[in-house]
PDB file of N, CA and C in Angstrom:
ATOM      1  N   UNK A   1      57.517 163.145 111.547  1.00  0.00           N
ATOM      2  CA  UNK A   1      58.756 162.677 112.136  1.00  0.00           C
ATOM      3  C   UNK A   1      58.689 161.150 112.240  1.00  0.00           C
ATOM      4  N   UNK A   2      59.818 160.494 111.993  1.00  0.00           N
ATOM      5  CA  UNK A   2      59.879 159.039 112.131  1.00  0.00           C
ATOM      6  C   UNK A   2      60.885 158.689 113.219  1.00  0.00           C
ATOM      7  N   UNK A   3      60.959 157.411 113.540  1.00  0.00           N
ATOM      8  CA  UNK A   3      61.931 156.988 114.545  1.00  0.00           C
ATOM      9  C   UNK A   3      63.360 157.313 114.122  1.00  0.00           C
ATOM     10  N   UNK A   4      63.609 157.357 112.823  1.00  0.00           N
ATOM     11  CA  UNK A   4      64.950 157.716 112.333  1.00  0.00           C
ATOM     12  C   UNK A   4      65.349 159.118 112.781  1.00  0.00           C
ATOM     13  N   UNK A   5      64.365 159.981 112.997  1.00  0.00           N
ATOM     14  CA  UNK A   5      64.629 161.363 113.389  1.00  0.00           C
ATOM     15  C   UNK A   5      64.804 161.530 114.895  1.00  0.00           C
ATOM     16  N   UNK A   6      64.702 160.454 115.646  1.00  0.00           N
ATOM     17  CA  UNK A   6      64.791 160.521 117.107  1.00  0.00           C
ATOM     18  C   UNK A   6      66.000 159.703 117.547  1.00  0.00           C
ATOM     19  N   UNK A   7      67.161 160.335 117.658  1.00  0.00           N
ATOM     20  CA  UNK A   7      68.391 159.586 117.946  1.00  0.00           C
ATOM     21  C   UNK A   7      68.363 158.838 119.274  1.00  0.00           C
ATOM     22  N   UNK A   8      67.559 159.274 120.210  1.00  0.00           N
ATOM     23  CA  UNK A   8      67.487 158.605 121.512  1.00  0.00           C
ATOM     24  C   UNK A   8      66.930 157.196 121.404  1.00  0.00           C
ATOM     25  N   UNK A   9      66.314 156.858 120.301  1.00  0.00           N
ATOM     26  CA  UNK A   9      65.660 155.558 120.153  1.00  0.00           C
ATOM     27  C   UNK A   9      66.403 154.627 119.192  1.00  0.00           C
ATOM     28  N   UNK A  10      67.676 154.856 118.957  1.00  0.00           N
ATOM     29  CA  UNK A  10      68.409 154.068 117.965  1.00  0.00           C
ATOM     30  C   UNK A  10      68.525 152.595 118.320  1.00  0.00           C
ATOM     31  N   UNK A  11      68.628 152.257 119.586  1.00  0.00           N
ATOM     32  CA  UNK A  11      68.835 150.862 119.983  1.00  0.00           C
ATOM     33  C   UNK A  11      67.691 149.963 119.523  1.00  0.00           C
ATOM     34  N   UNK A  12      66.463 150.410 119.659  1.00  0.00           N
ATOM     35  CA  UNK A  12      65.315 149.561 119.318  1.00  0.00           C
ATOM     36  C   UNK A  12      64.809 149.776 117.905  1.00  0.00           C
ATOM     37  N   UNK A  13      65.305 150.778 117.208  1.00  0.00           N
ATOM     38  CA  UNK A  13      64.740 151.156 115.908  1.00  0.00           C
ATOM     39  C   UNK A  13      64.796 150.039 114.876  1.00  0.00           C
ATOM     40  N   UNK A  14      65.928 149.365 114.725  1.00  0.00           N
ATOM     41  CA  UNK A  14      66.055 148.349 113.679  1.00  0.00           C
ATOM     42  C   UNK A  14      65.035 147.230 113.845  1.00  0.00           C
ATOM     43  N   UNK A  15      64.897 146.713 115.069  1.00  0.00           N
ATOM     44  CA  UNK A  15      63.941 145.637 115.304  1.00  0.00           C
ATOM     45  C   UNK A  15      62.510 146.086 115.070  1.00  0.00           C
ATOM     46  N   UNK A  16      62.198 147.288 115.509  1.00  0.00           N
ATOM     47  CA  UNK A  16      60.840 147.786 115.343  1.00  0.00           C
ATOM     48  C   UNK A  16      60.525 148.043 113.878  1.00  0.00           C
ATOM     49  N   UNK A  17      61.463 148.609 113.141  1.00  0.00           N
ATOM     50  CA  UNK A  17      61.229 148.852 111.715  1.00  0.00           C
ATOM     51  C   UNK A  17      61.035 147.538 110.960  1.00  0.00           C
ATOM     52  N   UNK A  18      61.766 146.493 111.361  1.00  0.00           N
ATOM     53  CA  UNK A  18      61.602 145.177 110.745  1.00  0.00           C
ATOM     54  C   UNK A  18      60.171 144.678 110.961  1.00  0.00           C
ATOM     55  N   UNK A  19      59.698 144.804 112.179  1.00  0.00           N
ATOM     56  CA  UNK A  19      58.358 144.335 112.515  1.00  0.00           C
ATOM     57  C   UNK A  19      57.290 145.173 111.840  1.00  0.00           C
ATOM     58  N   UNK A  20      57.502 146.488 111.778  1.00  0.00           N
ATOM     59  CA  UNK A  20      56.506 147.360 111.174  1.00  0.00           C
ATOM     60  C   UNK A  20      56.447 147.186 109.658  1.00  0.00           C
ATOM     61  N   UNK A  21      57.449 146.504 109.110  1.00  0.00           N
ATOM     62  CA  UNK A  21      57.389 146.125 107.706  1.00  0.00           C
ATOM     63  C   UNK A  21      56.370 145.005 107.572  1.00  0.00           C
ATOM     64  N   UNK A  22      56.611 144.106 106.673  1.00  0.00           N
ATOM     65  CA  UNK A  22      55.637 143.042 106.461  1.00  0.00           C
ATOM     66  C   UNK A  22      55.855 141.825 107.344  1.00  0.00           C
ATOM     67  N   UNK A  23      56.995 141.731 108.013  1.00  0.00           N
ATOM     68  CA  UNK A  23      57.304 140.535 108.788  1.00  0.00           C
ATOM     69  C   UNK A  23      56.976 140.751 110.254  1.00  0.00           C
ATOM     70  N   UNK A  24      55.969 140.072 110.765  1.00  0.00           N
ATOM     71  CA  UNK A  24      55.573 140.219 112.161  1.00  0.00           C
ATOM     72  C   UNK A  24      56.386 139.336 113.098  1.00  0.00           C
ATOM     73  N   UNK A  25      57.288 138.516 112.552  1.00  0.00           N
ATOM     74  CA  UNK A  25      58.150 137.691 113.404  1.00  0.00           C
ATOM     75  C   UNK A  25      58.990 138.618 114.269  1.00  0.00           C
ATOM     76  N   UNK A  26      59.069 138.329 115.532  1.00  0.00           N
ATOM     77  CA  UNK A  26      59.867 139.156 116.435  1.00  0.00           C
ATOM     78  C   UNK A  26      59.119 140.330 117.018  1.00  0.00           C
ATOM     79  N   UNK A  27      57.818 140.366 116.867  1.00  0.00           N
ATOM     80  CA  UNK A  27      57.030 141.485 117.379  1.00  0.00           C
ATOM     81  C   UNK A  27      57.213 141.650 118.881  1.00  0.00           C
ATOM     82  N   UNK A  28      57.133 140.568 119.625  1.00  0.00           N
ATOM     83  CA  UNK A  28      57.264 140.646 121.081  1.00  0.00           C
ATOM     84  C   UNK A  28      58.604 141.222 121.502  1.00  0.00           C
ATOM     85  N   UNK A  29      59.679 140.754 120.887  1.00  0.00           N
ATOM     86  CA  UNK A  29      61.014 141.253 121.202  1.00  0.00           C
ATOM     87  C   UNK A  29      61.136 142.737 120.861  1.00  0.00           C
ATOM     88  N   UNK A  30      60.630 143.131 119.695  1.00  0.00           N
ATOM     89  CA  UNK A  30      60.727 144.527 119.273  1.00  0.00           C
ATOM     90  C   UNK A  30      59.943 145.451 120.203  1.00  0.00           C
ATOM     91  N   UNK A  31      58.752 145.029 120.607  1.00  0.00           N
ATOM     92  CA  UNK A  31      57.942 145.848 121.511  1.00  0.00           C
ATOM     93  C   UNK A  31      58.606 145.928 122.879  1.00  0.00           C
ATOM     94  N   UNK A  32      59.169 144.828 123.342  1.00  0.00           N
ATOM     95  CA  UNK A  32      59.886 144.835 124.625  1.00  0.00           C
ATOM     96  C   UNK A  32      61.084 145.771 124.593  1.00  0.00           C
ATOM     97  N   UNK A  33      61.861 145.712 123.514  1.00  0.00           N
ATOM     98  CA  UNK A  33      63.012 146.602 123.368  1.00  0.00           C
ATOM     99  C   UNK A  33      62.567 148.066 123.349  1.00  0.00           C
ATOM    100  N   UNK A  34      61.492 148.323 122.622  1.00  0.00           N
ATOM    101  CA  UNK A  34      60.968 149.684 122.550  1.00  0.00           C
ATOM    102  C   UNK A  34      60.544 150.176 123.930  1.00  0.00           C
ATOM    103  N   UNK A  35      59.823 149.341 124.662  1.00  0.00           N
ATOM    104  CA  UNK A  35      59.335 149.740 125.985  1.00  0.00           C
ATOM    105  C   UNK A  35      60.487 150.036 126.936  1.00  0.00           C
ATOM    106  N   UNK A  36      61.513 149.185 126.927  1.00  0.00           N
ATOM    107  CA  UNK A  36      62.669 149.410 127.812  1.00  0.00           C
ATOM    108  C   UNK A  36      63.379 150.721 127.481  1.00  0.00           C
ATOM    109  N   UNK A  37      63.499 151.016 126.208  1.00  0.00           N
ATOM    110  CA  UNK A  37      64.171 152.249 125.807  1.00  0.00           C
ATOM    111  C   UNK A  37      63.273 153.468 126.022  1.00  0.00           C
ATOM    112  N   UNK A  38      61.989 153.291 125.814  1.00  0.00           N
ATOM    113  CA  UNK A  38      61.021 154.385 125.921  1.00  0.00           C
ATOM    114  C   UNK A  38      60.921 154.934 127.342  1.00  0.00           C
ATOM    115  N   UNK A  39      60.833 154.048 128.327  1.00  0.00           N
ATOM    116  CA  UNK A  39      60.569 154.481 129.704  1.00  0.00           C
ATOM    117  C   UNK A  39      61.703 155.281 130.323  1.00  0.00           C
ATOM    118  N   UNK A  40      62.894 155.185 129.807  1.00  0.00           N
ATOM    119  CA  UNK A  40      64.016 155.930 130.377  1.00  0.00           C
ATOM    120  C   UNK A  40      64.209 157.291 129.707  1.00  0.00           C
ATOM    121  N   UNK A  41      63.384 157.596 128.719  1.00  0.00           N
ATOM    122  CA  UNK A  41      63.507 158.860 127.993  1.00  0.00           C
ATOM    123  C   UNK A  41      62.747 159.973 128.705  1.00  0.00           C
ATOM    124  N   UNK A  42      63.195 161.220 128.507  1.00  0.00           N
ATOM    125  CA  UNK A  42      62.429 162.353 129.039  1.00  0.00           C
ATOM    126  C   UNK A  42      61.044 162.412 128.377  1.00  0.00           C
ATOM    127  N   UNK A  43      60.112 163.057 129.032  1.00  0.00           N
ATOM    128  CA  UNK A  43      58.732 163.134 128.550  1.00  0.00           C
ATOM    129  C   UNK A  43      58.664 163.713 127.137  1.00  0.00           C
ATOM    130  N   UNK A  44      59.449 164.716 126.844  1.00  0.00           N
ATOM    131  CA  UNK A  44      59.405 165.319 125.500  1.00  0.00           C
ATOM    132  C   UNK A  44      59.794 164.307 124.425  1.00  0.00           C
ATOM    133  N   UNK A  45      60.795 163.474 124.704  1.00  0.00           N
ATOM    134  CA  UNK A  45      61.194 162.438 123.752  1.00  0.00           C
ATOM    135  C   UNK A  45      60.094 161.389 123.656  1.00  0.00           C
ATOM    136  N   UNK A  46      59.482 161.024 124.778  1.00  0.00           N
ATOM    137  CA  UNK A  46      58.384 160.054 124.759  1.00  0.00           C
ATOM    138  C   UNK A  46      57.233 160.553 123.890  1.00  0.00           C
ATOM    139  N   UNK A  47      56.921 161.830 123.970  1.00  0.00           N
ATOM    140  CA  UNK A  47      55.846 162.390 123.135  1.00  0.00           C
ATOM    141  C   UNK A  47      56.192 162.267 121.657  1.00  0.00           C
ATOM    142  N   UNK A  48      57.441 162.587 121.308  1.00  0.00           N
ATOM    143  CA  UNK A  48      57.859 162.507 119.905  1.00  0.00           C
ATOM    144  C   UNK A  48      57.802 161.068 119.405  1.00  0.00           C
ATOM    145  N   UNK A  49      58.238 160.135 120.246  1.00  0.00           N
ATOM    146  CA  UNK A  49      58.217 158.727 119.872  1.00  0.00           C
ATOM    147  C   UNK A  49      56.766 158.259 119.691  1.00  0.00           C
ATOM    148  N   UNK A  50      55.897 158.627 120.621  1.00  0.00           N
ATOM    149  CA  UNK A  50      54.485 158.219 120.526  1.00  0.00           C
ATOM    150  C   UNK A  50      53.850 158.753 119.245  1.00  0.00           C
ATOM    151  N   UNK A  51      54.126 159.994 118.907  1.00  0.00           N
ATOM    152  CA  UNK A  51      53.574 160.565 117.673  1.00  0.00           C
ATOM    153  C   UNK A  51      54.116 159.853 116.446  1.00  0.00           C
ATOM    154  N   UNK A  52      55.424 159.571 116.442  1.00  0.00           N
ATOM    155  CA  UNK A  52      56.022 158.874 115.302  1.00  0.00           C
ATOM    156  C   UNK A  52      55.459 157.465 115.153  1.00  0.00           C
ATOM    157  N   UNK A  53      55.276 156.778 116.270  1.00  0.00           N
ATOM    158  CA  UNK A  53      54.782 155.408 116.215  1.00  0.00           C
ATOM    159  C   UNK A  53      53.310 155.322 115.843  1.00  0.00           C
ATOM    160  N   UNK A  54      52.539 156.322 116.208  1.00  0.00           N
ATOM    161  CA  UNK A  54      51.099 156.255 115.935  1.00  0.00           C
ATOM    162  C   UNK A  54      50.824 156.090 114.448  1.00  0.00           C
ATOM    163  N   UNK A  55      51.659 156.652 113.625  1.00  0.00           N
ATOM    164  CA  UNK A  55      51.486 156.530 112.181  1.00  0.00           C
ATOM    165  C   UNK A  55      51.652 155.081 111.742  1.00  0.00           C
ATOM    166  N   UNK A  56      52.527 154.349 112.439  1.00  0.00           N
ATOM    167  CA  UNK A  56      52.826 152.977 112.051  1.00  0.00           C
ATOM    168  C   UNK A  56      52.036 151.944 112.830  1.00  0.00           C
ATOM    169  N   UNK A  57      51.706 152.239 114.074  1.00  0.00           N
ATOM    170  CA  UNK A  57      51.065 151.232 114.902  1.00  0.00           C
ATOM    171  C   UNK A  57      49.603 151.000 114.559  1.00  0.00           C
ATOM    172  N   UNK A  58      48.888 152.028 114.139  1.00  0.00           N
ATOM    173  CA  UNK A  58      47.478 151.830 113.781  1.00  0.00           C
ATOM    174  C   UNK A  58      47.360 150.834 112.628  1.00  0.00           C
ATOM    175  N   UNK A  59      48.140 150.984 111.544  1.00  0.00           N
ATOM    176  CA  UNK A  59      48.060 149.958 110.494  1.00  0.00           C
ATOM    177  C   UNK A  59      48.505 148.576 110.969  1.00  0.00           C
ATOM    178  N   UNK A  60      49.492 148.523 111.876  1.00  0.00           N
ATOM    179  CA  UNK A  60      49.936 147.235 112.405  1.00  0.00           C
ATOM    180  C   UNK A  60      48.833 146.575 113.210  1.00  0.00           C
ATOM    181  N   UNK A  61      48.153 147.332 114.046  1.00  0.00           N
ATOM    182  CA  UNK A  61      47.039 146.794 114.834  1.00  0.00           C
ATOM    183  C   UNK A  61      45.944 146.299 113.906  1.00  0.00           C
ATOM    184  N   UNK A  62      45.655 147.069 112.869  1.00  0.00           N
ATOM    185  CA  UNK A  62      44.653 146.637 111.896  1.00  0.00           C
ATOM    186  C   UNK A  62      45.064 145.327 111.233  1.00  0.00           C
ATOM    187  N   UNK A  63      46.339 145.205 110.882  1.00  0.00           N
ATOM    188  CA  UNK A  63      46.828 143.990 110.238  1.00  0.00           C
ATOM    189  C   UNK A  63      46.731 142.802 111.184  1.00  0.00           C
ATOM    190  N   UNK A  64      47.057 143.005 112.458  1.00  0.00           N
ATOM    191  CA  UNK A  64      46.953 141.926 113.436  1.00  0.00           C
ATOM    192  C   UNK A  64      45.508 141.501 113.651  1.00  0.00           C
ATOM    193  N   UNK A  65      44.593 142.435 113.482  1.00  0.00           N
ATOM    194  CA  UNK A  65      43.159 142.129 113.620  1.00  0.00           C
ATOM    195  C   UNK A  65      42.554 141.656 112.306  1.00  0.00           C
ATOM    196  N   UNK A  66      43.366 141.437 111.322  1.00  0.00           N
ATOM    197  CA  UNK A  66      42.851 141.014 110.026  1.00  0.00           C
ATOM    198  C   UNK A  66      42.241 142.161 109.248  1.00  0.00           C
ATOM    199  N   UNK A  67      42.719 143.368 109.470  1.00  0.00           N
ATOM    200  CA  UNK A  67      42.228 144.531 108.751  1.00  0.00           C
ATOM    201  C   UNK A  67      40.910 145.066 109.266  1.00  0.00           C
ATOM    202  N   UNK A  68      40.407 144.516 110.339  1.00  0.00           N
ATOM    203  CA  UNK A  68      39.092 144.885 110.862  1.00  0.00           C
ATOM    204  C   UNK A  68      39.198 145.974 111.922  1.00  0.00           C
ATOM    205  N   UNK A  69      38.452 147.023 111.753  1.00  0.00           N
ATOM    206  CA  UNK A  69      38.372 148.080 112.755  1.00  0.00           C
ATOM    207  C   UNK A  69      37.051 147.934 113.479  1.00  0.00           C
ATOM    208  N   UNK A  70      37.120 147.853 114.791  1.00  0.00           N
ATOM    209  CA  UNK A  70      35.903 147.702 115.584  1.00  0.00           C
ATOM    210  C   UNK A  70      35.463 149.085 116.043  1.00  0.00           C
ATOM    211  N   UNK A  71      34.200 149.417 115.752  1.00  0.00           N
ATOM    212  CA  UNK A  71      33.648 150.730 116.066  1.00  0.00           C
ATOM    213  C   UNK A  71      32.479 150.563 117.027  1.00  0.00           C
ATOM    214  N   UNK A  72      32.373 151.464 117.983  1.00  0.00           N
ATOM    215  CA  UNK A  72      31.286 151.441 118.952  1.00  0.00           C
ATOM    216  C   UNK A  72      29.959 151.716 118.249  1.00  0.00           C
ATOM    217  N   UNK A  73      28.956 150.889 118.565  1.00  0.00           N
ATOM    218  CA  UNK A  73      27.644 151.054 117.972  1.00  0.00           C
ATOM    219  C   UNK A  73      26.885 152.259 118.492  1.00  0.00           C
ATOM    220  N   UNK A  74      27.334 152.857 119.566  1.00  0.00           N
ATOM    221  CA  UNK A  74      26.657 154.023 120.142  1.00  0.00           C
ATOM    222  C   UNK A  74      27.326 155.334 119.725  1.00  0.00           C
ATOM    223  N   UNK A  75      28.632 155.473 120.003  1.00  0.00           N
ATOM    224  CA  UNK A  75      29.303 156.761 119.740  1.00  0.00           C
ATOM    225  C   UNK A  75      30.031 156.775 118.401  1.00  0.00           C
ATOM    226  N   UNK A  76      30.107 155.631 117.739  1.00  0.00           N
ATOM    227  CA  UNK A  76      30.724 155.510 116.421  1.00  0.00           C
ATOM    228  C   UNK A  76      32.225 155.777 116.434  1.00  0.00           C
ATOM    229  N   UNK A  77      32.858 155.675 117.609  1.00  0.00           N
ATOM    230  CA  UNK A  77      34.301 155.846 117.724  1.00  0.00           C
ATOM    231  C   UNK A  77      34.966 154.478 117.673  1.00  0.00           C
ATOM    232  N   UNK A  78      36.202 154.458 117.249  1.00  0.00           N
ATOM    233  CA  UNK A  78      36.966 153.213 117.212  1.00  0.00           C
ATOM    234  C   UNK A  78      37.183 152.692 118.634  1.00  0.00           C
ATOM    235  N   UNK A  79      37.037 151.400 118.828  1.00  0.00           N
ATOM    236  CA  UNK A  79      37.214 150.787 120.145  1.00  0.00           C
ATOM    237  C   UNK A  79      38.663 150.350 120.287  1.00  0.00           C
ATOM    238  N   UNK A  80      39.343 150.916 121.293  1.00  0.00           N
ATOM    239  CA  UNK A  80      40.742 150.572 121.544  1.00  0.00           C
ATOM    240  C   UNK A  80      40.895 149.718 122.792  1.00  0.00           C
ATOM    241  N   UNK A  81      40.063 149.887 123.760  1.00  0.00           N
ATOM    242  CA  UNK A  81      40.203 149.159 125.018  1.00  0.00           C
ATOM    243  C   UNK A  81      39.269 147.980 125.063  1.00  0.00           C
ATOM    244  N   UNK A  82      38.540 147.867 126.184  1.00  0.00           N
ATOM    245  CA  UNK A  82      37.583 146.778 126.338  1.00  0.00           C
ATOM    246  C   UNK A  82      36.458 146.898 125.329  1.00  0.00           C
ATOM    247  N   UNK A  83      35.979 145.769 124.886  1.00  0.00           N
ATOM    248  CA  UNK A  83      34.928 145.721 123.876  1.00  0.00           C
ATOM    249  C   UNK A  83      33.808 144.832 124.393  1.00  0.00           C
ATOM    250  N   UNK A  84      32.586 145.354 124.377  1.00  0.00           N
ATOM    251  CA  UNK A  84      31.438 144.599 124.830  1.00  0.00           C
ATOM    252  C   UNK A  84      30.514 144.336 123.643  1.00  0.00           C
ATOM    253  N   UNK A  85      30.090 143.083 123.489  1.00  0.00           N
ATOM    254  CA  UNK A  85      29.234 142.692 122.372  1.00  0.00           C
ATOM    255  C   UNK A  85      27.852 142.334 122.880  1.00  0.00           C
ATOM    256  N   UNK A  86      26.855 142.865 122.215  1.00  0.00           N
ATOM    257  CA  UNK A  86      25.479 142.509 122.537  1.00  0.00           C
ATOM    258  C   UNK A  86      25.260 141.046 122.141  1.00  0.00           C
ATOM    259  N   UNK A  87      24.577 140.305 123.021  1.00  0.00           N
ATOM    260  CA  UNK A  87      24.320 138.891 122.727  1.00  0.00           C
ATOM    261  C   UNK A  87      23.211 138.707 121.692  1.00  0.00           C
ATOM    262  N   UNK A  88      22.423 139.731 121.463  1.00  0.00           N
ATOM    263  CA  UNK A  88      21.282 139.591 120.552  1.00  0.00           C
ATOM    264  C   UNK A  88      21.429 140.336 119.235  1.00  0.00           C
ATOM    265  N   UNK A  89      22.286 141.354 119.192  1.00  0.00           N
ATOM    266  CA  UNK A  89      22.434 142.172 117.987  1.00  0.00           C
ATOM    267  C   UNK A  89      23.771 141.872 117.319  1.00  0.00           C
ATOM    268  N   UNK A  90      23.771 141.173 116.202  1.00  0.00           N
ATOM    269  CA  UNK A  90      25.028 140.854 115.523  1.00  0.00           C
ATOM    270  C   UNK A  90      25.781 142.139 115.154  1.00  0.00           C
ATOM    271  N   UNK A  91      27.058 142.154 115.447  1.00  0.00           N
ATOM    272  CA  UNK A  91      27.890 143.293 115.067  1.00  0.00           C
ATOM    273  C   UNK A  91      27.705 144.524 115.920  1.00  0.00           C
ATOM    274  N   UNK A  92      26.984 144.426 117.030  1.00  0.00           N
ATOM    275  CA  UNK A  92      26.786 145.593 117.897  1.00  0.00           C
ATOM    276  C   UNK A  92      27.766 145.515 119.050  1.00  0.00           C
ATOM    277  N   UNK A  93      28.764 146.393 119.008  1.00  0.00           N
ATOM    278  CA  UNK A  93      29.806 146.446 120.030  1.00  0.00           C
ATOM    279  C   UNK A  93      29.732 147.796 120.736  1.00  0.00           C
ATOM    280  N   UNK A  94      30.129 147.810 122.009  1.00  0.00           N
ATOM    281  CA  UNK A  94      30.181 149.056 122.770  1.00  0.00           C
ATOM    282  C   UNK A  94      31.582 149.275 123.310  1.00  0.00           C
ATOM    283  N   UNK A  95      32.015 150.547 123.322  1.00  0.00           N
ATOM    284  CA  UNK A  95      33.273 150.897 123.977  1.00  0.00           C
ATOM    285  C   UNK A  95      33.014 150.938 125.484  1.00  0.00           C
ATOM    286  N   UNK A  96      34.082 151.062 126.255  1.00  0.00           N
ATOM    287  CA  UNK A  96      33.934 151.063 127.711  1.00  0.00           C
ATOM    288  C   UNK A  96      33.072 152.220 128.205  1.00  0.00           C
ATOM    289  N   UNK A  97      33.241 153.404 127.620  1.00  0.00           N
ATOM    290  CA  UNK A  97      32.463 154.574 128.048  1.00  0.00           C
ATOM    291  C   UNK A  97      30.972 154.401 127.807  1.00  0.00           C
ATOM    292  N   UNK A  98      30.608 153.921 126.638  1.00  0.00           N
ATOM    293  CA  UNK A  98      29.193 153.723 126.323  1.00  0.00           C
ATOM    294  C   UNK A  98      28.612 152.532 127.071  1.00  0.00           C
ATOM    295  N   UNK A  99      29.424 151.532 127.373  1.00  0.00           N
ATOM    296  CA  UNK A  99      28.955 150.376 128.124  1.00  0.00           C
ATOM    297  C   UNK A  99      28.410 150.807 129.486  1.00  0.00           C
ATOM    298  N   UNK A 100      29.089 151.765 130.108  1.00  0.00           N
ATOM    299  CA  UNK A 100      28.653 152.252 131.416  1.00  0.00           C
ATOM    300  C   UNK A 100      27.253 152.862 131.359  1.00  0.00           C
ATOM    301  N   UNK A 101      26.841 153.381 130.200  1.00  0.00           N
ATOM    302  CA  UNK A 101      25.531 154.038 130.041  1.00  0.00           C
ATOM    303  C   UNK A 101      24.555 153.196 129.217  1.00  0.00           C
ATOM    304  N   UNK A 102      24.851 151.926 129.030  1.00  0.00           N
ATOM    305  CA  UNK A 102      24.069 151.090 128.121  1.00  0.00           C
ATOM    306  C   UNK A 102      22.590 151.023 128.466  1.00  0.00           C
ATOM    307  N   UNK A 103      22.249 151.142 129.733  1.00  0.00           N
ATOM    308  CA  UNK A 103      20.848 151.080 130.134  1.00  0.00           C
ATOM    309  C   UNK A 103      20.021 152.224 129.559  1.00  0.00           C
ATOM    310  N   UNK A 104      20.664 153.326 129.234  1.00  0.00           N
ATOM    311  CA  UNK A 104      19.969 154.493 128.679  1.00  0.00           C
ATOM    312  C   UNK A 104      19.548 154.291 127.228  1.00  0.00           C
ATOM    313  N   UNK A 105      20.253 153.409 126.490  1.00  0.00           N
ATOM    314  CA  UNK A 105      19.965 153.295 125.061  1.00  0.00           C
ATOM    315  C   UNK A 105      19.910 151.857 124.546  1.00  0.00           C
ATOM    316  N   UNK A 106      20.392 150.880 125.314  1.00  0.00           N
ATOM    317  CA  UNK A 106      20.387 149.499 124.843  1.00  0.00           C
ATOM    318  C   UNK A 106      20.051 148.559 126.006  1.00  0.00           C
ATOM    319  N   UNK A 107      19.188 149.022 126.883  1.00  0.00           N
ATOM    320  CA  UNK A 107      18.880 148.295 128.102  1.00  0.00           C
ATOM    321  C   UNK A 107      18.089 147.017 127.916  1.00  0.00           C
ATOM    322  N   UNK A 108      17.407 146.871 126.787  1.00  0.00           N
ATOM    323  CA  UNK A 108      16.559 145.700 126.601  1.00  0.00           C
ATOM    324  C   UNK A 108      17.353 144.435 126.245  1.00  0.00           C
ATOM    325  N   UNK A 109      18.628 144.573 125.893  1.00  0.00           N
ATOM    326  CA  UNK A 109      19.452 143.425 125.525  1.00  0.00           C
ATOM    327  C   UNK A 109      20.590 143.243 126.505  1.00  0.00           C
ATOM    328  N   UNK A 110      21.049 141.996 126.613  1.00  0.00           N
ATOM    329  CA  UNK A 110      22.168 141.708 127.493  1.00  0.00           C
ATOM    330  C   UNK A 110      23.488 142.023 126.774  1.00  0.00           C
ATOM    331  N   UNK A 111      24.300 142.844 127.420  1.00  0.00           N
ATOM    332  CA  UNK A 111      25.633 143.149 126.915  1.00  0.00           C
ATOM    333  C   UNK A 111      26.601 142.765 128.033  1.00  0.00           C
ATOM    334  N   UNK A 112      27.274 141.617 127.874  1.00  0.00           N
ATOM    335  CA  UNK A 112      28.164 141.124 128.938  1.00  0.00           C
ATOM    336  C   UNK A 112      29.322 142.078 129.236  1.00  0.00           C
ATOM    337  N   UNK A 113      29.975 141.813 130.341  1.00  0.00           N
ATOM    338  CA  UNK A 113      31.115 142.621 130.798  1.00  0.00           C
ATOM    339  C   UNK A 113      32.220 142.656 129.736  1.00  0.00           C
ATOM    340  N   UNK A 114      33.135 143.606 129.890  1.00  0.00           N
ATOM    341  CA  UNK A 114      34.191 143.826 128.887  1.00  0.00           C
ATOM    342  C   UNK A 114      35.039 142.600 128.599  1.00  0.00           C
ATOM    343  N   UNK A 115      35.466 142.548 127.337  1.00  0.00           N
ATOM    344  CA  UNK A 115      36.486 141.578 126.942  1.00  0.00           C
ATOM    345  C   UNK A 115      37.513 142.351 126.150  1.00  0.00           C
ATOM    346  N   UNK A 116      38.756 142.015 126.332  1.00  0.00           N
ATOM    347  CA  UNK A 116      39.856 142.752 125.697  1.00  0.00           C
ATOM    348  C   UNK A 116      39.878 142.486 124.209  1.00  0.00           C
ATOM    349  N   UNK A 117      40.236 143.550 123.434  1.00  0.00           N
ATOM    350  CA  UNK A 117      40.341 143.389 121.965  1.00  0.00           C
ATOM    351  C   UNK A 117      41.769 143.239 121.563  1.00  0.00           C
TER     352      UNK A 117
END
């Protein structure tokens, strides 16, 4: 399902589709419009919108990050929230969940507090 299939989201669709194309100009406005329209929808519509957007937002996030996907060095899952980098191990990042348990498996190195990705 795409946003075109969800009539409740017609107001923000054009701006969001423009941004999800190749032109990132207007991203802030499009996301703001989407959020304002999204929050007033029933939960079932919000679920449909979230599922439709997930197909498009993951590639957009990758593009904004320069195509780089950051993966946790412990659980091997993609890091979406806070990201912690070991000061001694190049390329060793931890997700928030694994950071809490870092002493069990990476205690010998300093891993500073979370920083947003």
